[in-house]
Amino acid sequence: MGDEGDYWRDVKPVMKERSRQKRDDNRRKSAELLTKSGVQFESKNDGAHLIVTTKHGVIDFWPGTGRFIPRGFGKSGRGVFNLLKRFCT
């Protein structure tokens, strides 16, 4: 196979591990931010899914990817800071 194929075969495991570490870091930091902000949430699936309770309703939040979806209202979005700004202020 060519040099480019060999390169990507060598790089792929490193990139996958870096991505996994980033998701783990996002899970930890997002939970800390929500706790510091006084937001109540329930952790599911070892922190991969957080059920956030706000005065506006319940929001499903996946901190590894930053995705959040309000239940039955509003528009979905990304990022813990956007979640805090839209629903917790």
Protein backbone atom coordinates (compact mmCIF):
# COMPACT_ATOMS: atom_id res chain seq x y z
CA MET A 1 0.00 0.00 0.00
CA GLY A 2 1.10 3.60 -0.47
CA ASP A 3 2.68 5.87 2.08
CA GLU A 4 -0.56 7.73 2.77
CA GLY A 5 -2.42 4.53 3.65
CA ASP A 6 0.36 3.54 6.05
CA TYR A 7 0.27 6.98 7.63
CA TRP A 8 -3.47 6.88 8.37
CA ARG A 9 -3.27 3.31 9.63
CA ASP A 10 -0.66 4.47 12.17
CA VAL A 11 -2.43 7.72 13.11
CA LYS A 12 -5.98 6.39 13.52
CA PRO A 13 -5.48 4.71 16.95
CA VAL A 14 -3.82 7.86 18.31
CA MET A 15 -6.68 10.04 17.07
CA LYS A 16 -9.31 7.67 18.53
CA GLU A 17 -7.59 7.72 21.94
CA ARG A 18 -7.33 11.52 21.90
CA SER A 19 -11.05 11.75 21.06
CA ARG A 20 -11.94 9.37 23.90
CA GLN A 21 -9.88 11.42 26.37
CA LYS A 22 -11.55 14.64 25.21
CA ARG A 23 -15.04 13.18 25.71
CA ASP A 24 -14.06 11.96 29.21
CA ASP A 25 -12.69 15.39 30.05
CA ASN A 26 -15.89 17.06 28.76
CA ARG A 27 -18.01 14.77 30.96
CA ARG A 28 -16.02 15.65 34.07
CA LYS A 29 -15.80 19.39 33.46
CA SER A 30 -19.44 19.81 32.44
CA ALA A 31 -20.66 18.08 35.60
CA GLU A 32 -18.39 20.34 37.67
CA LEU A 33 -19.72 23.47 35.94
CA LEU A 34 -23.34 22.46 36.48
CA THR A 35 -22.65 21.70 40.15
CA LYS A 36 -20.85 25.03 40.69
CA SER A 37 -23.75 26.85 39.03
CA GLY A 38 -26.21 25.22 41.42
CA VAL A 39 -28.02 23.32 38.70
CA GLN A 40 -29.60 20.03 39.73
CA PHE A 41 -29.04 17.02 37.51
CA GLU A 42 -29.20 13.27 37.57
CA SER A 43 -26.31 11.29 36.12
CA LYS A 44 -27.04 8.24 33.97
CA ASN A 45 -24.78 5.76 32.20
CA ASP A 46 -21.72 6.64 34.28
CA GLY A 47 -21.98 10.36 33.45
CA ALA A 48 -22.51 9.98 29.71
CA HIS A 49 -26.09 11.29 29.99
CA LEU A 50 -27.21 13.98 32.41
CA ILE A 51 -30.83 14.79 33.07
CA VAL A 52 -30.84 18.47 33.98
CA THR A 53 -33.78 19.98 35.88
CA THR A 54 -34.35 23.71 35.43
CA LYS A 55 -37.17 26.16 36.06
CA HIS A 56 -37.95 25.86 32.34
CA GLY A 57 -38.24 22.06 32.41
CA VAL A 58 -36.14 18.95 31.94
CA ILE A 59 -33.21 18.85 29.54
CA ASP A 60 -31.32 15.79 28.32
CA PHE A 61 -27.61 16.59 28.12
CA TRP A 62 -24.76 14.49 26.77
CA PRO A 63 -21.61 16.21 28.05
CA GLY A 64 -19.20 14.07 26.04
CA THR A 65 -20.43 15.65 22.83
CA GLY A 66 -22.03 18.74 24.38
CA ARG A 67 -25.43 17.98 22.86
CA PHE A 68 -28.57 18.98 24.77
CA ILE A 69 -32.25 18.47 23.94
CA PRO A 70 -35.03 20.11 25.98
CA ARG A 71 -37.93 17.73 26.59
CA GLY A 72 -41.06 18.98 24.85
CA PHE A 73 -39.97 22.59 24.37
CA GLY A 74 -37.32 24.73 22.79
CA LYS A 75 -34.63 23.94 20.32
CA SER A 76 -31.71 21.57 20.82
CA GLY A 77 -28.18 22.88 20.99
CA ARG A 78 -24.58 22.22 21.94
CA GLY A 79 -22.30 23.19 24.78
CA VAL A 80 -22.61 23.40 28.53
CA PHE A 81 -22.21 27.19 28.47
CA ASN A 82 -25.07 27.53 25.96
CA LEU A 83 -27.21 25.26 28.12
CA LEU A 84 -26.49 27.38 31.19
CA LYS A 85 -27.14 30.65 29.32
CA ARG A 86 -30.42 29.53 27.73
CA PHE A 87 -32.05 27.64 30.58
CA CYS A 88 -30.35 28.36 33.89
CA THR A 89 -30.16 32.14 34.16
